[in-house]
Amino acid sequence: MDKMRPILVVDDVEAICTFICTVLQGNGYVHVDIAHDSAEVMSRVCRKKYQLILMDIKLPQVDGLELLSILHEEIPEAKIVMCSADTSEETINLAYEIGAVGFLEKPVTPMSLMSLLERL
């Protein structure tokens, strides 16, 4: 991952966004933005090209998996990683089928996040 290219963190819980941003910035990622719902996500992706979107599955208004499908159609080159405490095989497989490039189990740890970024 290019540490100078932007990353978007999407979660409706402010504390989770802050934690992930702190970990990313602490590891040298310079441009990290936050969105809390689908409207914010769509507004941000229309204005900026993100190298990575880290997105919760449970979001208000539009479910994260539905939003993943929309984003995958609109910007197929985007790398999107889904995050959830629901680690059922069905949920994980569905995320990958729709177009996710990775899946992080919540609660996200610095080690799991950085390990995933190294693999992408």
N, C-alpha and C. Protein backbone atom coordinates (compact mmCIF):
# COMPACT_ATOMS: atom_id res chain seq x y z
N MET A 1 0.84 -1.18 0.00
CA MET A 1 0.00 0.00 0.00
C MET A 1 0.88 1.25 0.00
N ASP A 2 0.48 2.19 -0.77
CA ASP A 2 1.17 3.47 -0.85
C ASP A 2 0.73 4.34 0.33
N LYS A 3 1.65 4.69 1.20
CA LYS A 3 1.30 5.43 2.41
C LYS A 3 0.91 6.88 2.13
N MET A 4 1.10 7.35 0.91
CA MET A 4 0.73 8.72 0.55
C MET A 4 -0.66 8.79 -0.09
N ARG A 5 -1.20 7.64 -0.54
CA ARG A 5 -2.52 7.64 -1.18
C ARG A 5 -3.61 7.48 -0.14
N PRO A 6 -4.77 8.10 -0.35
CA PRO A 6 -5.81 8.14 0.69
C PRO A 6 -6.51 6.80 0.95
N ILE A 7 -6.93 6.67 2.21
CA ILE A 7 -7.70 5.53 2.69
C ILE A 7 -8.97 6.10 3.32
N LEU A 8 -10.10 5.41 3.10
CA LEU A 8 -11.36 5.81 3.69
C LEU A 8 -11.79 4.76 4.71
N VAL A 9 -12.07 5.21 5.93
CA VAL A 9 -12.54 4.34 7.01
C VAL A 9 -14.03 4.62 7.19
N VAL A 10 -14.85 3.56 7.12
CA VAL A 10 -16.30 3.72 7.20
C VAL A 10 -16.86 2.90 8.35
N ASP A 11 -17.38 3.60 9.35
CA ASP A 11 -18.05 2.95 10.48
C ASP A 11 -18.95 3.97 11.14
N ASP A 12 -20.11 3.53 11.62
CA ASP A 12 -21.01 4.48 12.27
C ASP A 12 -20.62 4.76 13.72
N VAL A 13 -19.63 4.04 14.24
CA VAL A 13 -19.15 4.25 15.61
C VAL A 13 -17.88 5.11 15.55
N GLU A 14 -17.97 6.31 16.06
CA GLU A 14 -16.86 7.27 16.02
C GLU A 14 -15.58 6.71 16.64
N ALA A 15 -15.71 6.01 17.78
CA ALA A 15 -14.53 5.47 18.47
C ALA A 15 -13.78 4.47 17.60
N ILE A 16 -14.50 3.67 16.83
CA ILE A 16 -13.85 2.70 15.94
C ILE A 16 -13.10 3.43 14.82
N CYS A 17 -13.73 4.43 14.25
CA CYS A 17 -13.07 5.24 13.20
C CYS A 17 -11.80 5.88 13.74
N THR A 18 -11.90 6.45 14.91
CA THR A 18 -10.75 7.12 15.53
C THR A 18 -9.62 6.13 15.78
N PHE A 19 -9.96 4.96 16.31
CA PHE A 19 -8.95 3.93 16.59
C PHE A 19 -8.23 3.50 15.31
N ILE A 20 -9.00 3.17 14.26
CA ILE A 20 -8.39 2.71 13.01
C ILE A 20 -7.53 3.82 12.40
N CYS A 21 -8.03 5.05 12.42
CA CYS A 21 -7.25 6.18 11.90
C CYS A 21 -5.95 6.36 12.66
N THR A 22 -6.00 6.24 13.97
CA THR A 22 -4.81 6.37 14.80
C THR A 22 -3.78 5.30 14.46
N VAL A 23 -4.24 4.07 14.28
CA VAL A 23 -3.33 2.98 13.91
C VAL A 23 -2.70 3.25 12.54
N LEU A 24 -3.53 3.64 11.57
CA LEU A 24 -3.02 3.90 10.22
C LEU A 24 -2.02 5.05 10.22
N GLN A 25 -2.39 6.15 10.85
CA GLN A 25 -1.50 7.31 10.87
C GLN A 25 -0.22 7.02 11.67
N GLY A 26 -0.35 6.23 12.72
CA GLY A 26 0.82 5.83 13.49
C GLY A 26 1.77 4.95 12.72
N ASN A 27 1.28 4.34 11.65
CA ASN A 27 2.10 3.49 10.78
C ASN A 27 2.45 4.18 9.48
N GLY A 28 2.30 5.51 9.46
CA GLY A 28 2.79 6.30 8.33
C GLY A 28 1.80 6.62 7.22
N TYR A 29 0.55 6.18 7.35
CA TYR A 29 -0.44 6.51 6.32
C TYR A 29 -0.90 7.95 6.56
N VAL A 30 -0.65 8.79 5.56
CA VAL A 30 -0.80 10.23 5.72
C VAL A 30 -2.24 10.71 5.56
N HIS A 31 -2.94 10.17 4.58
CA HIS A 31 -4.28 10.67 4.24
C HIS A 31 -5.34 9.62 4.60
N VAL A 32 -5.97 9.81 5.74
CA VAL A 32 -7.03 8.90 6.18
C VAL A 32 -8.29 9.72 6.42
N ASP A 33 -9.36 9.38 5.72
CA ASP A 33 -10.64 10.06 5.88
C ASP A 33 -11.63 9.13 6.56
N ILE A 34 -12.70 9.72 7.10
CA ILE A 34 -13.72 8.97 7.82
C ILE A 34 -15.09 9.28 7.21
N ALA A 35 -15.94 8.25 7.17
CA ALA A 35 -17.35 8.41 6.81
C ALA A 35 -18.16 7.54 7.75
N HIS A 36 -19.37 7.99 8.08
CA HIS A 36 -20.20 7.26 9.04
C HIS A 36 -21.43 6.59 8.44
N ASP A 37 -21.74 6.92 7.19
CA ASP A 37 -22.91 6.30 6.55
C ASP A 37 -22.73 6.33 5.04
N SER A 38 -23.69 5.72 4.34
CA SER A 38 -23.58 5.57 2.89
C SER A 38 -23.55 6.90 2.16
N ALA A 39 -24.31 7.88 2.64
CA ALA A 39 -24.32 9.20 1.98
C ALA A 39 -22.94 9.84 2.04
N GLU A 40 -22.29 9.76 3.20
CA GLU A 40 -20.94 10.31 3.33
C GLU A 40 -19.95 9.57 2.43
N VAL A 41 -20.10 8.25 2.37
CA VAL A 41 -19.20 7.45 1.53
C VAL A 41 -19.33 7.88 0.07
N MET A 42 -20.57 7.95 -0.43
CA MET A 42 -20.77 8.30 -1.84
C MET A 42 -20.27 9.71 -2.13
N SER A 43 -20.46 10.62 -1.20
CA SER A 43 -19.97 11.98 -1.38
C SER A 43 -18.45 12.00 -1.46
N ARG A 44 -17.80 11.24 -0.60
CA ARG A 44 -16.33 11.23 -0.58
C ARG A 44 -15.73 10.54 -1.81
N VAL A 45 -16.30 9.41 -2.22
CA VAL A 45 -15.72 8.68 -3.36
C VAL A 45 -15.95 9.41 -4.67
N CYS A 46 -16.92 10.31 -4.71
CA CYS A 46 -17.13 11.14 -5.91
C CYS A 46 -16.06 12.22 -6.02
N ARG A 47 -15.48 12.61 -4.88
CA ARG A 47 -14.50 13.70 -4.87
C ARG A 47 -13.05 13.24 -4.80
N LYS A 48 -12.81 12.01 -4.39
CA LYS A 48 -11.44 11.56 -4.18
C LYS A 48 -11.31 10.08 -4.55
N LYS A 49 -10.16 9.73 -5.10
CA LYS A 49 -9.89 8.34 -5.47
C LYS A 49 -9.13 7.68 -4.32
N TYR A 50 -9.78 6.75 -3.64
CA TYR A 50 -9.18 6.06 -2.50
C TYR A 50 -8.49 4.79 -2.95
N GLN A 51 -7.30 4.54 -2.40
CA GLN A 51 -6.62 3.30 -2.71
C GLN A 51 -7.25 2.13 -1.95
N LEU A 52 -7.90 2.46 -0.82
CA LEU A 52 -8.50 1.42 0.02
C LEU A 52 -9.68 2.01 0.79
N ILE A 53 -10.73 1.20 0.91
CA ILE A 53 -11.88 1.56 1.73
C ILE A 53 -12.06 0.44 2.75
N LEU A 54 -11.98 0.79 4.04
CA LEU A 54 -12.22 -0.15 5.13
C LEU A 54 -13.64 0.13 5.63
N MET A 55 -14.55 -0.85 5.51
CA MET A 55 -15.97 -0.55 5.74
C MET A 55 -16.66 -1.60 6.61
N ASP A 56 -17.39 -1.09 7.60
CA ASP A 56 -18.20 -1.94 8.47
C ASP A 56 -19.37 -2.52 7.67
N ILE A 57 -19.81 -3.70 8.06
CA ILE A 57 -20.97 -4.29 7.39
C ILE A 57 -22.27 -3.68 7.92
N LYS A 58 -22.33 -3.41 9.21
CA LYS A 58 -23.56 -2.86 9.80
C LYS A 58 -23.49 -1.34 9.82
N LEU A 59 -24.18 -0.74 8.87
CA LEU A 59 -24.22 0.72 8.74
C LEU A 59 -25.67 1.20 8.73
N PRO A 60 -25.92 2.44 9.16
CA PRO A 60 -27.28 2.97 9.06
C PRO A 60 -27.63 3.25 7.60
N GLN A 61 -28.89 3.33 7.31
CA GLN A 61 -29.44 3.62 5.98
C GLN A 61 -29.21 2.46 5.03
N VAL A 62 -28.02 2.33 4.49
CA VAL A 62 -27.72 1.26 3.53
C VAL A 62 -26.71 0.31 4.17
N ASP A 63 -27.04 -0.97 4.18
CA ASP A 63 -26.17 -2.01 4.73
C ASP A 63 -24.81 -1.99 4.02
N GLY A 64 -23.76 -2.32 4.76
CA GLY A 64 -22.41 -2.31 4.20
C GLY A 64 -22.23 -3.23 3.01
N LEU A 65 -22.88 -4.39 3.03
CA LEU A 65 -22.77 -5.30 1.88
C LEU A 65 -23.46 -4.74 0.66
N GLU A 66 -24.59 -4.07 0.86
CA GLU A 66 -25.27 -3.42 -0.26
C GLU A 66 -24.41 -2.28 -0.80
N LEU A 67 -23.81 -1.53 0.10
CA LEU A 67 -22.92 -0.43 -0.30
C LEU A 67 -21.70 -0.98 -1.02
N LEU A 68 -21.17 -2.11 -0.57
CA LEU A 68 -20.06 -2.76 -1.25
C LEU A 68 -20.43 -3.06 -2.69
N SER A 69 -21.62 -3.58 -2.91
CA SER A 69 -22.09 -3.90 -4.26
C SER A 69 -22.16 -2.64 -5.13
N ILE A 70 -22.71 -1.58 -4.56
CA ILE A 70 -22.81 -0.31 -5.30
C ILE A 70 -21.43 0.22 -5.66
N LEU A 71 -20.53 0.24 -4.67
CA LEU A 71 -19.17 0.75 -4.91
C LEU A 71 -18.43 -0.11 -5.92
N HIS A 72 -18.62 -1.42 -5.83
CA HIS A 72 -17.93 -2.33 -6.76
C HIS A 72 -18.38 -2.08 -8.20
N GLU A 73 -19.64 -1.73 -8.38
CA GLU A 73 -20.16 -1.41 -9.72
C GLU A 73 -19.66 -0.05 -10.19
N GLU A 74 -19.69 0.94 -9.29
CA GLU A 74 -19.32 2.32 -9.64
C GLU A 74 -17.81 2.51 -9.82
N ILE A 75 -17.03 1.89 -8.94
CA ILE A 75 -15.56 2.03 -8.99
C ILE A 75 -14.92 0.65 -8.80
N PRO A 76 -14.97 -0.18 -9.87
CA PRO A 76 -14.50 -1.56 -9.75
C PRO A 76 -13.02 -1.69 -9.36
N GLU A 77 -12.25 -0.64 -9.59
CA GLU A 77 -10.82 -0.72 -9.23
C GLU A 77 -10.56 -0.50 -7.75
N ALA A 78 -11.59 -0.08 -7.01
CA ALA A 78 -11.41 0.19 -5.57
C ALA A 78 -11.19 -1.10 -4.80
N LYS A 79 -10.23 -1.06 -3.89
CA LYS A 79 -10.00 -2.18 -2.98
C LYS A 79 -10.84 -1.90 -1.73
N ILE A 80 -11.74 -2.82 -1.44
CA ILE A 80 -12.64 -2.64 -0.30
C ILE A 80 -12.49 -3.83 0.65
N VAL A 81 -12.24 -3.50 1.91
CA VAL A 81 -12.11 -4.50 2.96
C VAL A 81 -13.31 -4.33 3.89
N MET A 82 -14.01 -5.41 4.15
CA MET A 82 -15.16 -5.36 5.05
C MET A 82 -14.71 -5.71 6.47
N CYS A 83 -15.39 -5.10 7.45
CA CYS A 83 -15.10 -5.33 8.86
C CYS A 83 -16.40 -5.72 9.56
N SER A 84 -16.34 -6.74 10.41
CA SER A 84 -17.55 -7.13 11.13
C SER A 84 -17.21 -8.09 12.26
N ALA A 85 -18.07 -8.07 13.28
CA ALA A 85 -17.98 -9.06 14.35
C ALA A 85 -18.64 -10.36 13.89
N ASP A 86 -19.47 -10.27 12.85
CA ASP A 86 -20.13 -11.45 12.27
C ASP A 86 -19.15 -12.13 11.33
N THR A 87 -18.53 -13.19 11.82
CA THR A 87 -17.52 -13.89 11.02
C THR A 87 -18.03 -15.24 10.53
N SER A 88 -19.34 -15.32 10.34
CA SER A 88 -19.89 -16.56 9.80
C SER A 88 -19.35 -16.77 8.39
N GLU A 89 -19.22 -18.01 8.03
CA GLU A 89 -18.71 -18.35 6.70
C GLU A 89 -19.59 -17.73 5.61
N GLU A 90 -20.89 -17.71 5.86
CA GLU A 90 -21.84 -17.14 4.90
C GLU A 90 -21.57 -15.64 4.67
N THR A 91 -21.37 -14.89 5.75
CA THR A 91 -21.12 -13.45 5.65
C THR A 91 -19.80 -13.18 4.93
N ILE A 92 -18.77 -13.88 5.33
CA ILE A 92 -17.45 -13.67 4.73
C ILE A 92 -17.48 -14.03 3.24
N ASN A 93 -18.06 -15.17 2.91
CA ASN A 93 -18.13 -15.58 1.50
C ASN A 93 -18.94 -14.59 0.67
N LEU A 94 -20.04 -14.09 1.22
CA LEU A 94 -20.86 -13.12 0.50
C LEU A 94 -20.06 -11.84 0.24
N ALA A 95 -19.33 -11.38 1.23
CA ALA A 95 -18.50 -10.17 1.05
C ALA A 95 -17.50 -10.37 -0.10
N TYR A 96 -16.84 -11.52 -0.12
CA TYR A 96 -15.88 -11.79 -1.19
C TYR A 96 -16.58 -11.93 -2.55
N GLU A 97 -17.74 -12.58 -2.58
CA GLU A 97 -18.48 -12.73 -3.83
C GLU A 97 -18.88 -11.38 -4.41
N ILE A 98 -19.26 -10.46 -3.54
CA ILE A 98 -19.69 -9.14 -4.00
C ILE A 98 -18.51 -8.32 -4.50
N GLY A 99 -17.32 -8.56 -3.94
CA GLY A 99 -16.16 -7.82 -4.44
C GLY A 99 -15.15 -7.36 -3.41
N ALA A 100 -15.33 -7.75 -2.15
CA ALA A 100 -14.34 -7.38 -1.13
C ALA A 100 -13.00 -8.05 -1.42
N VAL A 101 -11.91 -7.36 -1.09
CA VAL A 101 -10.57 -7.95 -1.26
C VAL A 101 -10.02 -8.45 0.06
N GLY A 102 -10.77 -8.22 1.15
CA GLY A 102 -10.33 -8.67 2.45
C GLY A 102 -11.45 -8.55 3.46
N PHE A 103 -11.23 -9.18 4.63
CA PHE A 103 -12.23 -9.16 5.70
C PHE A 103 -11.49 -9.09 7.02
N LEU A 104 -11.88 -8.12 7.86
CA LEU A 104 -11.29 -7.97 9.19
C LEU A 104 -12.34 -8.27 10.24
N GLU A 105 -11.98 -9.10 11.19
CA GLU A 105 -12.88 -9.40 12.30
C GLU A 105 -12.80 -8.29 13.33
N LYS A 106 -13.98 -7.87 13.82
CA LYS A 106 -14.04 -6.89 14.91
C LYS A 106 -14.03 -7.65 16.23
N PRO A 107 -13.41 -7.12 17.24
CA PRO A 107 -12.72 -5.84 17.21
C PRO A 107 -11.41 -5.92 16.44
N VAL A 108 -11.18 -4.92 15.62
CA VAL A 108 -9.97 -4.85 14.80
C VAL A 108 -8.79 -4.56 15.72
N THR A 109 -7.71 -5.29 15.52
CA THR A 109 -6.49 -5.04 16.28
C THR A 109 -5.46 -4.38 15.37
N PRO A 110 -4.51 -3.64 15.94
CA PRO A 110 -3.46 -3.06 15.10
C PRO A 110 -2.73 -4.12 14.29
N MET A 111 -2.47 -5.28 14.89
CA MET A 111 -1.74 -6.34 14.20
C MET A 111 -2.54 -6.88 13.02
N SER A 112 -3.85 -7.13 13.22
CA SER A 112 -4.65 -7.68 12.12
C SER A 112 -4.79 -6.67 10.99
N LEU A 113 -4.94 -5.39 11.34
CA LEU A 113 -5.06 -4.35 10.32
C LEU A 113 -3.78 -4.22 9.51
N MET A 114 -2.65 -4.11 10.17
CA MET A 114 -1.38 -3.92 9.47
C MET A 114 -0.99 -5.16 8.67
N SER A 115 -1.30 -6.33 9.20
CA SER A 115 -1.02 -7.57 8.47
C SER A 115 -1.82 -7.63 7.18
N LEU A 116 -3.09 -7.24 7.24
CA LEU A 116 -3.92 -7.21 6.04
C LEU A 116 -3.36 -6.22 5.01
N LEU A 117 -2.98 -5.04 5.47
CA LEU A 117 -2.45 -4.02 4.54
C LEU A 117 -1.18 -4.50 3.85
N GLU A 118 -0.36 -5.26 4.57
CA GLU A 118 0.86 -5.79 3.97
C GLU A 118 0.56 -6.78 2.85
N ARG A 119 -0.56 -7.49 2.96
CA ARG A 119 -0.94 -8.49 1.97
C ARG A 119 -1.60 -7.90 0.74
N LEU A 120 -2.11 -6.69 0.85
CA LEU A 120 -2.83 -6.09 -0.28
C LEU A 120 -1.89 -5.43 -1.28
